[in-house]
Amino acid sequence: MPWLWVTIPVLAVITFYIYPFVTTVHVSFTKTKPLGRTGRFIGLDNYATILSDPEFWQAVGNSLVYALCVVPLMVLLPLLLALLVKSPVPGISVFRTLYYLPAVSSLVVISLAWRYLLDEQGPVNNLLALIGAVSTPVPFLSDRWLILACAMVITLWQGLPYYMILYLSALANVDTSLYEAAELDGAGPVRRFLTVTVPGVKVMMFLVATLTTIGSLKIFTEVYLLGGAASPTKTLTMYIRDRIVDPTFGSLGQGDAASVCLFLLTFGFIIASQRLQRKAEDQ
């Protein structure tokens, strides 16, 4: 009875993925308070409320800016890092291990460490003041765009080693004779990278772009821990949290409506990525 082997995974998917998603969509059409029972059906009122809220669009803008800056860098930089550590030079395994350390570190611990470093009385501002680069502390943790930029740095710093490993596995499948043929044709390093390396790891690049896009649109931990609960920079996930967490003035229905918007935004990016991948494979 082979169907027994798939029963538990199917039940797990239904219980932990499909049922919560359907419930979220259902609650988004109701007037429901946090920690309360599902309220009455109110149609699209929750969607109309959040779509007319300037704070919602500011959160969407922050999430999109974050994704548009992080995704291209996360696709390109790990590939360059993989090319750097791919060479069989003595001691390269030590560097690979050191490069991979951020990927196995806790994101919360990393974010709190960066918060200490970037505080107005922290080492970075003290160093900048010591060398005379600034006269007043740089507001890394209180300025909207600086918080977003610092969160990008943390995301890249932790994510680069993980995607570097993926690229190393992809580069191992690229035929080395193609590099030799390109070199005989007089191709330099840049041309070999564009004509041999990039086509060879094209599928992996689309995979990294898709995974990074999903993660970037759901960004929460880095921005929240850097700016705190009263951060001037709010992403879409922080907006959803603020809508849901307040038991008195919060609204579970509006929070779920914002969650559905986040799902549609992410789904749209995934569809666009798949279409670009098919177009690139057809060429």
C-alpha atoms as a PDB file:
ATOM      1  CA  MET A   1       0.000   0.000   0.000  1.00  0.00           C
ATOM      2  CA  PRO A   2       2.251   2.805  -1.264  1.00  0.00           C
ATOM      3  CA  TRP A   3      -0.332   5.477  -0.436  1.00  0.00           C
ATOM      4  CA  LEU A   4       0.539   5.004   3.255  1.00  0.00           C
ATOM      5  CA  TRP A   5       3.997   6.469   2.584  1.00  0.00           C
ATOM      6  CA  VAL A   6       2.525   9.756   1.390  1.00  0.00           C
ATOM      7  CA  THR A   7      -0.285  10.037   3.947  1.00  0.00           C
ATOM      8  CA  ILE A   8       1.761  11.672   6.710  1.00  0.00           C
ATOM      9  CA  PRO A   9       3.506  14.222   4.401  1.00  0.00           C
ATOM     10  CA  VAL A  10       0.189  15.130   2.777  1.00  0.00           C
ATOM     11  CA  LEU A  11      -1.481  15.556   6.185  1.00  0.00           C
ATOM     12  CA  ALA A  12       1.464  17.689   7.339  1.00  0.00           C
ATOM     13  CA  VAL A  13       1.192  19.937   4.264  1.00  0.00           C
ATOM     14  CA  ILE A  14      -2.559  20.316   4.724  1.00  0.00           C
ATOM     15  CA  THR A  15      -2.245  20.995   8.476  1.00  0.00           C
ATOM     16  CA  PHE A  16       0.727  23.353   8.516  1.00  0.00           C
ATOM     17  CA  TYR A  17       0.498  25.082   5.102  1.00  0.00           C
ATOM     18  CA  ILE A  18      -2.844  24.841   3.312  1.00  0.00           C
ATOM     19  CA  TYR A  19      -5.167  25.171   6.347  1.00  0.00           C
ATOM     20  CA  PRO A  20      -3.363  28.251   7.808  1.00  0.00           C
ATOM     21  CA  PHE A  21      -3.313  29.889   4.366  1.00  0.00           C
ATOM     22  CA  VAL A  22      -7.034  29.288   3.776  1.00  0.00           C
ATOM     23  CA  THR A  23      -7.812  30.529   7.309  1.00  0.00           C
ATOM     24  CA  THR A  24      -5.743  33.674   6.724  1.00  0.00           C
ATOM     25  CA  VAL A  25      -7.627  34.456   3.515  1.00  0.00           C
ATOM     26  CA  HIS A  26     -10.968  33.803   5.232  1.00  0.00           C
ATOM     27  CA  VAL A  27     -10.183  36.011   8.253  1.00  0.00           C
ATOM     28  CA  SER A  28      -9.028  38.831   5.949  1.00  0.00           C
ATOM     29  CA  PHE A  29     -12.669  39.245   4.903  1.00  0.00           C
ATOM     30  CA  THR A  30     -13.962  39.450   8.487  1.00  0.00           C
ATOM     31  CA  LYS A  31     -13.980  41.941  11.353  1.00  0.00           C
ATOM     32  CA  THR A  32     -11.840  40.006  13.825  1.00  0.00           C
ATOM     33  CA  LYS A  33      -9.941  41.286  16.832  1.00  0.00           C
ATOM     34  CA  PRO A  34      -6.589  39.774  17.911  1.00  0.00           C
ATOM     35  CA  LEU A  35      -7.035  36.797  20.249  1.00  0.00           C
ATOM     36  CA  GLY A  36     -10.780  36.834  19.521  1.00  0.00           C
ATOM     37  CA  ARG A  37     -13.180  34.619  17.652  1.00  0.00           C
ATOM     38  CA  THR A  38     -13.662  35.034  13.927  1.00  0.00           C
ATOM     39  CA  GLY A  39     -15.935  38.056  13.434  1.00  0.00           C
ATOM     40  CA  ARG A  40     -18.646  38.811  10.920  1.00  0.00           C
ATOM     41  CA  PHE A  41     -18.053  38.949   7.164  1.00  0.00           C
ATOM     42  CA  ILE A  42     -17.339  42.531   5.971  1.00  0.00           C
ATOM     43  CA  GLY A  43     -16.254  41.924   2.383  1.00  0.00           C
ATOM     44  CA  LEU A  44     -13.322  44.002   1.130  1.00  0.00           C
ATOM     45  CA  ASP A  45     -13.403  46.580   3.962  1.00  0.00           C
ATOM     46  CA  ASN A  46     -10.114  45.369   5.475  1.00  0.00           C
ATOM     47  CA  TYR A  47      -8.384  45.613   2.099  1.00  0.00           C
ATOM     48  CA  ALA A  48      -9.850  49.094   1.507  1.00  0.00           C
ATOM     49  CA  THR A  49      -8.607  50.211   4.936  1.00  0.00           C
ATOM     50  CA  ILE A  50      -5.016  49.064   4.533  1.00  0.00           C
ATOM     51  CA  LEU A  51      -4.791  50.182   0.879  1.00  0.00           C
ATOM     52  CA  SER A  52      -5.804  53.713   1.948  1.00  0.00           C
ATOM     53  CA  ASP A  53      -3.266  53.728   4.797  1.00  0.00           C
ATOM     54  CA  PRO A  54      -0.080  55.732   3.900  1.00  0.00           C
ATOM     55  CA  GLU A  55       1.869  53.665   6.448  1.00  0.00           C
ATOM     56  CA  PHE A  56       1.057  50.508   4.466  1.00  0.00           C
ATOM     57  CA  TRP A  57       2.433  51.966   1.227  1.00  0.00           C
ATOM     58  CA  GLN A  58       5.530  53.238   3.029  1.00  0.00           C
ATOM     59  CA  ALA A  59       6.097  49.691   4.344  1.00  0.00           C
ATOM     60  CA  VAL A  60       5.599  48.284   0.830  1.00  0.00           C
ATOM     61  CA  GLY A  61       8.084  50.845  -0.530  1.00  0.00           C
ATOM     62  CA  ASN A  62      10.682  49.940   2.106  1.00  0.00           C
ATOM     63  CA  SER A  63      10.303  46.221   1.356  1.00  0.00           C
ATOM     64  CA  LEU A  64      10.592  46.797  -2.405  1.00  0.00           C
ATOM     65  CA  VAL A  65      13.668  49.043  -2.034  1.00  0.00           C
ATOM     66  CA  TYR A  66      15.220  46.402   0.205  1.00  0.00           C
ATOM     67  CA  ALA A  67      14.516  43.619  -2.324  1.00  0.00           C
ATOM     68  CA  LEU A  68      15.660  45.651  -5.353  1.00  0.00           C
ATOM     69  CA  CYS A  69      18.999  46.430  -3.649  1.00  0.00           C
ATOM     70  CA  VAL A  70      19.657  43.045  -2.014  1.00  0.00           C
ATOM     71  CA  VAL A  71      18.615  40.619  -4.787  1.00  0.00           C
ATOM     72  CA  PRO A  72      21.086  41.753  -7.526  1.00  0.00           C
ATOM     73  CA  LEU A  73      23.951  41.886  -5.013  1.00  0.00           C
ATOM     74  CA  MET A  74      23.013  38.501  -3.550  1.00  0.00           C
ATOM     75  CA  VAL A  75      22.990  36.974  -7.044  1.00  0.00           C
ATOM     76  CA  LEU A  76      26.345  38.417  -8.143  1.00  0.00           C
ATOM     77  CA  LEU A  77      28.578  38.671  -5.039  1.00  0.00           C
ATOM     78  CA  PRO A  78      28.357  34.981  -3.948  1.00  0.00           C
ATOM     79  CA  LEU A  79      29.252  33.962  -7.514  1.00  0.00           C
ATOM     80  CA  LEU A  80      32.361  36.145  -7.456  1.00  0.00           C
ATOM     81  CA  LEU A  81      33.223  34.794  -3.995  1.00  0.00           C
ATOM     82  CA  ALA A  82      32.783  31.219  -5.242  1.00  0.00           C
ATOM     83  CA  LEU A  83      35.144  31.899  -8.162  1.00  0.00           C
ATOM     84  CA  LEU A  84      37.655  33.295  -5.677  1.00  0.00           C
ATOM     85  CA  VAL A  85      37.657  30.273  -3.350  1.00  0.00           C
ATOM     86  CA  LYS A  86      37.315  27.691  -6.157  1.00  0.00           C
ATOM     87  CA  SER A  87      40.999  27.852  -7.008  1.00  0.00           C
ATOM     88  CA  PRO A  88      42.958  24.890  -5.544  1.00  0.00           C
ATOM     89  CA  VAL A  89      45.564  26.957  -3.684  1.00  0.00           C
ATOM     90  CA  PRO A  90      47.158  25.871  -0.379  1.00  0.00           C
ATOM     91  CA  GLY A  91      45.035  26.727   2.672  1.00  0.00           C
ATOM     92  CA  ILE A  92      41.891  27.528   0.660  1.00  0.00           C
ATOM     93  CA  SER A  93      39.811  25.168   2.812  1.00  0.00           C
ATOM     94  CA  VAL A  94      40.559  27.390   5.831  1.00  0.00           C
ATOM     95  CA  PHE A  95      39.273  30.459   3.987  1.00  0.00           C
ATOM     96  CA  ARG A  96      36.153  28.554   2.864  1.00  0.00           C
ATOM     97  CA  THR A  97      35.437  27.657   6.502  1.00  0.00           C
ATOM     98  CA  LEU A  98      35.961  31.245   7.660  1.00  0.00           C
ATOM     99  CA  TYR A  99      33.743  32.589   4.873  1.00  0.00           C
ATOM    100  CA  TYR A 100      30.981  30.167   5.879  1.00  0.00           C
ATOM    101  CA  LEU A 101      30.946  31.118   9.589  1.00  0.00           C
ATOM    102  CA  PRO A 102      28.309  33.916   9.248  1.00  0.00           C
ATOM    103  CA  ALA A 103      25.893  31.454   7.594  1.00  0.00           C
ATOM    104  CA  VAL A 104      25.835  29.199  10.664  1.00  0.00           C
ATOM    105  CA  SER A 105      25.539  32.059  13.151  1.00  0.00           C
ATOM    106  CA  SER A 106      22.239  33.119  14.684  1.00  0.00           C
ATOM    107  CA  LEU A 107      20.640  36.033  12.823  1.00  0.00           C
ATOM    108  CA  VAL A 108      19.415  37.491  16.122  1.00  0.00           C
ATOM    109  CA  VAL A 109      22.899  37.403  17.629  1.00  0.00           C
ATOM    110  CA  ILE A 110      24.391  38.918  14.474  1.00  0.00           C
ATOM    111  CA  SER A 111      21.798  41.708  14.398  1.00  0.00           C
ATOM    112  CA  LEU A 112      22.328  42.542  18.083  1.00  0.00           C
ATOM    113  CA  ALA A 113      26.105  42.582  17.564  1.00  0.00           C
ATOM    114  CA  TRP A 114      25.708  45.008  14.647  1.00  0.00           C
ATOM    115  CA  ARG A 115      23.330  47.106  16.776  1.00  0.00           C
ATOM    116  CA  TYR A 116      26.062  47.445  19.403  1.00  0.00           C
ATOM    117  CA  LEU A 117      28.641  48.351  16.745  1.00  0.00           C
ATOM    118  CA  LEU A 118      26.391  50.963  15.068  1.00  0.00           C
ATOM    119  CA  ASP A 119      25.049  52.623  18.212  1.00  0.00           C
ATOM    120  CA  GLU A 120      25.657  56.378  18.543  1.00  0.00           C
ATOM    121  CA  GLN A 121      28.097  55.578  21.368  1.00  0.00           C
ATOM    122  CA  GLY A 122      29.333  52.409  19.661  1.00  0.00           C
ATOM    123  CA  PRO A 123      32.731  51.523  18.163  1.00  0.00           C
ATOM    124  CA  VAL A 124      31.909  52.604  14.595  1.00  0.00           C
ATOM    125  CA  ASN A 125      30.850  56.131  15.555  1.00  0.00           C
ATOM    126  CA  ASN A 126      33.772  56.398  18.002  1.00  0.00           C
ATOM    127  CA  LEU A 127      36.173  55.391  15.233  1.00  0.00           C
ATOM    128  CA  LEU A 128      34.657  57.863  12.753  1.00  0.00           C
ATOM    129  CA  ALA A 129      34.943  60.635  15.358  1.00  0.00           C
ATOM    130  CA  LEU A 130      38.509  59.622  16.206  1.00  0.00           C
ATOM    131  CA  ILE A 131      39.724  59.935  12.609  1.00  0.00           C
ATOM    132  CA  GLY A 132      37.769  63.197  12.188  1.00  0.00           C
ATOM    133  CA  ALA A 133      35.349  61.834   9.581  1.00  0.00           C
ATOM    134  CA  VAL A 134      32.260  63.088  11.466  1.00  0.00           C
ATOM    135  CA  SER A 135      31.611  65.807  14.056  1.00  0.00           C
ATOM    136  CA  THR A 136      28.367  64.300  15.369  1.00  0.00           C
ATOM    137  CA  PRO A 137      27.396  60.618  15.679  1.00  0.00           C
ATOM    138  CA  VAL A 138      25.923  59.080  12.533  1.00  0.00           C
ATOM    139  CA  PRO A 139      22.289  58.027  13.256  1.00  0.00           C
ATOM    140  CA  PHE A 140      22.686  54.493  11.921  1.00  0.00           C
ATOM    141  CA  LEU A 141      19.851  53.205  14.156  1.00  0.00           C
ATOM    142  CA  SER A 142      17.408  56.117  13.983  1.00  0.00           C
ATOM    143  CA  ASP A 143      17.444  57.260  10.339  1.00  0.00           C
ATOM    144  CA  ARG A 144      14.960  55.520   8.017  1.00  0.00           C
ATOM    145  CA  TRP A 145      17.318  54.892   5.100  1.00  0.00           C
ATOM    146  CA  LEU A 146      20.414  54.183   7.210  1.00  0.00           C
ATOM    147  CA  ILE A 147      18.529  51.450   9.104  1.00  0.00           C
ATOM    148  CA  LEU A 148      17.488  49.917   5.794  1.00  0.00           C
ATOM    149  CA  ALA A 149      21.053  50.135   4.442  1.00  0.00           C
ATOM    150  CA  CYS A 150      22.518  48.557   7.599  1.00  0.00           C
ATOM    151  CA  ALA A 151      19.925  45.750   7.426  1.00  0.00           C
ATOM    152  CA  MET A 152      20.991  45.111   3.808  1.00  0.00           C
ATOM    153  CA  VAL A 153      24.618  44.819   4.896  1.00  0.00           C
ATOM    154  CA  ILE A 154      23.692  42.284   7.599  1.00  0.00           C
ATOM    155  CA  THR A 155      21.582  40.239   5.164  1.00  0.00           C
ATOM    156  CA  LEU A 156      24.390  40.190   2.589  1.00  0.00           C
ATOM    157  CA  TRP A 157      27.029  39.425   5.203  1.00  0.00           C
ATOM    158  CA  GLN A 158      25.119  36.396   6.451  1.00  0.00           C
ATOM    159  CA  GLY A 159      23.729  35.202   3.120  1.00  0.00           C
ATOM    160  CA  LEU A 160      26.865  35.379   0.958  1.00  0.00           C
ATOM    161  CA  PRO A 161      28.495  32.173   2.319  1.00  0.00           C
ATOM    162  CA  TYR A 162      25.330  30.080   1.943  1.00  0.00           C
ATOM    163  CA  TYR A 163      24.812  31.028  -1.702  1.00  0.00           C
ATOM    164  CA  MET A 164      28.561  30.736  -2.311  1.00  0.00           C
ATOM    165  CA  ILE A 165      28.269  27.021  -1.507  1.00  0.00           C
ATOM    166  CA  LEU A 166      25.404  26.679  -4.007  1.00  0.00           C
ATOM    167  CA  TYR A 167      27.478  28.396  -6.682  1.00  0.00           C
ATOM    168  CA  LEU A 168      30.489  26.168  -5.943  1.00  0.00           C
ATOM    169  CA  SER A 169      28.353  23.094  -6.685  1.00  0.00           C
ATOM    170  CA  ALA A 170      27.107  24.719  -9.905  1.00  0.00           C
ATOM    171  CA  LEU A 171      30.618  25.733 -11.003  1.00  0.00           C
ATOM    172  CA  ALA A 172      31.803  22.136 -10.537  1.00  0.00           C
ATOM    173  CA  ASN A 173      29.499  21.133 -13.401  1.00  0.00           C
ATOM    174  CA  VAL A 174      30.817  23.740 -15.860  1.00  0.00           C
ATOM    175  CA  ASP A 175      32.991  22.064 -18.503  1.00  0.00           C
ATOM    176  CA  THR A 176      36.586  23.307 -18.021  1.00  0.00           C
ATOM    177  CA  SER A 177      37.319  22.761 -21.725  1.00  0.00           C
ATOM    178  CA  LEU A 178      35.042  25.730 -22.452  1.00  0.00           C
ATOM    179  CA  TYR A 179      37.397  27.981 -20.448  1.00  0.00           C
ATOM    180  CA  GLU A 180      40.390  26.575 -22.343  1.00  0.00           C
ATOM    181  CA  ALA A 181      38.671  27.126 -25.715  1.00  0.00           C
ATOM    182  CA  ALA A 182      37.701  30.686 -24.730  1.00  0.00           C
ATOM    183  CA  GLU A 183      41.262  31.386 -23.603  1.00  0.00           C
ATOM    184  CA  LEU A 184      42.632  30.102 -26.925  1.00  0.00           C
ATOM    185  CA  ASP A 185      40.250  32.490 -28.686  1.00  0.00           C
ATOM    186  CA  GLY A 186      41.848  35.331 -26.740  1.00  0.00           C
ATOM    187  CA  ALA A 187      39.032  35.871 -24.257  1.00  0.00           C
ATOM    188  CA  GLY A 188      40.064  37.716 -21.109  1.00  0.00           C
ATOM    189  CA  PRO A 189      38.768  37.051 -17.565  1.00  0.00           C
ATOM    190  CA  VAL A 190      35.725  39.314 -17.985  1.00  0.00           C
ATOM    191  CA  ARG A 191      34.736  37.796 -21.326  1.00  0.00           C
ATOM    192  CA  ARG A 192      35.231  34.240 -19.987  1.00  0.00           C
ATOM    193  CA  PHE A 193      33.038  35.152 -17.025  1.00  0.00           C
ATOM    194  CA  LEU A 194      30.272  36.497 -19.257  1.00  0.00           C
ATOM    195  CA  THR A 195      30.418  33.839 -21.995  1.00  0.00           C
ATOM    196  CA  VAL A 196      31.272  30.684 -20.018  1.00  0.00           C
ATOM    197  CA  THR A 197      30.637  31.121 -16.282  1.00  0.00           C
ATOM    198  CA  VAL A 198      27.330  32.991 -16.396  1.00  0.00           C
ATOM    199  CA  PRO A 199      25.665  30.651 -18.953  1.00  0.00           C
ATOM    200  CA  GLY A 200      27.005  27.665 -16.990  1.00  0.00           C
ATOM    201  CA  VAL A 201      25.409  28.736 -13.700  1.00  0.00           C
ATOM    202  CA  LYS A 202      22.380  30.496 -15.191  1.00  0.00           C
ATOM    203  CA  VAL A 203      19.867  28.122 -13.598  1.00  0.00           C
ATOM    204  CA  MET A 204      21.484  28.535 -10.183  1.00  0.00           C
ATOM    205  CA  MET A 205      21.404  32.342 -10.590  1.00  0.00           C
ATOM    206  CA  PHE A 206      17.637  32.259 -11.152  1.00  0.00           C
ATOM    207  CA  LEU A 207      17.233  29.960  -8.136  1.00  0.00           C
ATOM    208  CA  VAL A 208      19.260  32.324  -5.935  1.00  0.00           C
ATOM    209  CA  ALA A 209      17.280  35.311  -7.253  1.00  0.00           C
ATOM    210  CA  THR A 210      13.979  33.602  -6.458  1.00  0.00           C
ATOM    211  CA  LEU A 211      15.010  32.517  -2.951  1.00  0.00           C
ATOM    212  CA  THR A 212      16.497  35.928  -2.171  1.00  0.00           C
ATOM    213  CA  THR A 213      13.420  37.758  -3.447  1.00  0.00           C
ATOM    214  CA  ILE A 214      11.130  35.699  -1.206  1.00  0.00           C
ATOM    215  CA  GLY A 215      13.404  36.287   1.802  1.00  0.00           C
ATOM    216  CA  SER A 216      13.818  40.013   1.083  1.00  0.00           C
ATOM    217  CA  LEU A 217      10.098  40.721   0.842  1.00  0.00           C
ATOM    218  CA  LYS A 218       9.633  38.967   4.193  1.00  0.00           C
ATOM    219  CA  ILE A 219      12.464  40.890   5.878  1.00  0.00           C
ATOM    220  CA  PHE A 220      11.774  41.461   9.576  1.00  0.00           C
ATOM    221  CA  THR A 221      14.480  40.432  12.050  1.00  0.00           C
ATOM    222  CA  GLU A 222      17.331  42.668  10.900  1.00  0.00           C
ATOM    223  CA  VAL A 223      15.221  45.847  10.595  1.00  0.00           C
ATOM    224  CA  TYR A 224      13.293  45.208  13.825  1.00  0.00           C
ATOM    225  CA  LEU A 225      16.374  44.492  15.933  1.00  0.00           C
ATOM    226  CA  LEU A 226      18.302  47.461  14.529  1.00  0.00           C
ATOM    227  CA  GLY A 227      15.525  50.040  14.870  1.00  0.00           C
ATOM    228  CA  GLY A 228      13.495  48.546  17.716  1.00  0.00           C
ATOM    229  CA  ALA A 229       9.707  48.450  18.085  1.00  0.00           C
ATOM    230  CA  ALA A 230       9.451  52.219  17.410  1.00  0.00           C
ATOM    231  CA  SER A 231      11.700  52.053  14.349  1.00  0.00           C
ATOM    232  CA  PRO A 232      11.146  54.822  11.749  1.00  0.00           C
ATOM    233  CA  THR A 233      11.685  52.116   9.131  1.00  0.00           C
ATOM    234  CA  LYS A 234       8.885  49.590   8.853  1.00  0.00           C
ATOM    235  CA  THR A 235       8.754  46.768   6.352  1.00  0.00           C
ATOM    236  CA  LEU A 236       5.598  44.992   5.265  1.00  0.00           C
ATOM    237  CA  THR A 237       6.054  42.204   7.827  1.00  0.00           C
ATOM    238  CA  MET A 238       6.516  44.791  10.593  1.00  0.00           C
ATOM    239  CA  TYR A 239       3.317  46.523   9.437  1.00  0.00           C
ATOM    240  CA  ILE A 240       1.473  43.175   9.656  1.00  0.00           C
ATOM    241  CA  ARG A 241       2.872  42.621  13.156  1.00  0.00           C
ATOM    242  CA  ASP A 242       1.788  46.079  14.312  1.00  0.00           C
ATOM    243  CA  ARG A 243      -1.728  45.448  12.998  1.00  0.00           C
ATOM    244  CA  ILE A 244      -2.071  42.113  14.765  1.00  0.00           C
ATOM    245  CA  VAL A 245      -0.115  42.417  18.003  1.00  0.00           C
ATOM    246  CA  ASP A 246      -2.164  45.155  19.706  1.00  0.00           C
ATOM    247  CA  PRO A 247      -5.060  43.361  21.524  1.00  0.00           C
ATOM    248  CA  THR A 248      -7.030  46.628  21.984  1.00  0.00           C
ATOM    249  CA  PHE A 249      -6.599  48.657  18.798  1.00  0.00           C
ATOM    250  CA  GLY A 250      -5.248  45.940  16.509  1.00  0.00           C
ATOM    251  CA  SER A 251      -7.206  44.098  13.855  1.00  0.00           C
ATOM    252  CA  LEU A 252      -6.510  40.508  12.921  1.00  0.00           C
ATOM    253  CA  GLY A 253      -8.625  40.925   9.792  1.00  0.00           C
ATOM    254  CA  GLN A 254      -6.528  43.877   8.558  1.00  0.00           C
ATOM    255  CA  GLY A 255      -3.296  42.094   9.468  1.00  0.00           C
ATOM    256  CA  ASP A 256      -4.398  39.047   7.487  1.00  0.00           C
ATOM    257  CA  ALA A 257      -5.432  41.268   4.572  1.00  0.00           C
ATOM    258  CA  ALA A 258      -1.909  42.746   4.559  1.00  0.00           C
ATOM    259  CA  SER A 259      -0.517  39.186   4.710  1.00  0.00           C
ATOM    260  CA  VAL A 260      -2.519  38.266   1.598  1.00  0.00           C
ATOM    261  CA  CYS A 261      -1.124  41.378  -0.149  1.00  0.00           C
ATOM    262  CA  LEU A 262       2.403  40.255   0.789  1.00  0.00           C
ATOM    263  CA  PHE A 263       1.663  36.796  -0.623  1.00  0.00           C
ATOM    264  CA  LEU A 264       0.384  38.255  -3.910  1.00  0.00           C
ATOM    265  CA  LEU A 265       3.430  40.540  -4.171  1.00  0.00           C
ATOM    266  CA  THR A 266       5.815  37.618  -3.592  1.00  0.00           C
ATOM    267  CA  PHE A 267       3.874  35.363  -5.964  1.00  0.00           C
ATOM    268  CA  GLY A 268       4.023  38.042  -8.658  1.00  0.00           C
ATOM    269  CA  PHE A 269       7.818  38.277  -8.355  1.00  0.00           C
ATOM    270  CA  ILE A 270       8.134  34.469  -8.568  1.00  0.00           C
ATOM    271  CA  ILE A 271       5.990  34.321 -11.729  1.00  0.00           C
ATOM    272  CA  ALA A 272       8.037  37.138 -13.304  1.00  0.00           C
ATOM    273  CA  SER A 273      11.268  35.317 -12.386  1.00  0.00           C
ATOM    274  CA  GLN A 274      10.066  32.055 -13.958  1.00  0.00           C
ATOM    275  CA  ARG A 275       9.086  33.841 -17.177  1.00  0.00           C
ATOM    276  CA  LEU A 276      12.508  35.492 -17.361  1.00  0.00           C
ATOM    277  CA  GLN A 277      14.129  32.086 -16.797  1.00  0.00           C
ATOM    278  CA  ARG A 278      12.132  30.472 -19.622  1.00  0.00           C
ATOM    279  CA  LYS A 279      12.972  33.354 -21.940  1.00  0.00           C
ATOM    280  CA  ALA A 280      16.683  33.045 -21.089  1.00  0.00           C
ATOM    281  CA  GLU A 281      16.609  29.254 -21.655  1.00  0.00           C
ATOM    282  CA  ASP A 282      14.948  29.708 -25.063  1.00  0.00           C
ATOM    283  CA  GLN A 283      17.686  32.052 -26.249  1.00  0.00           C
END
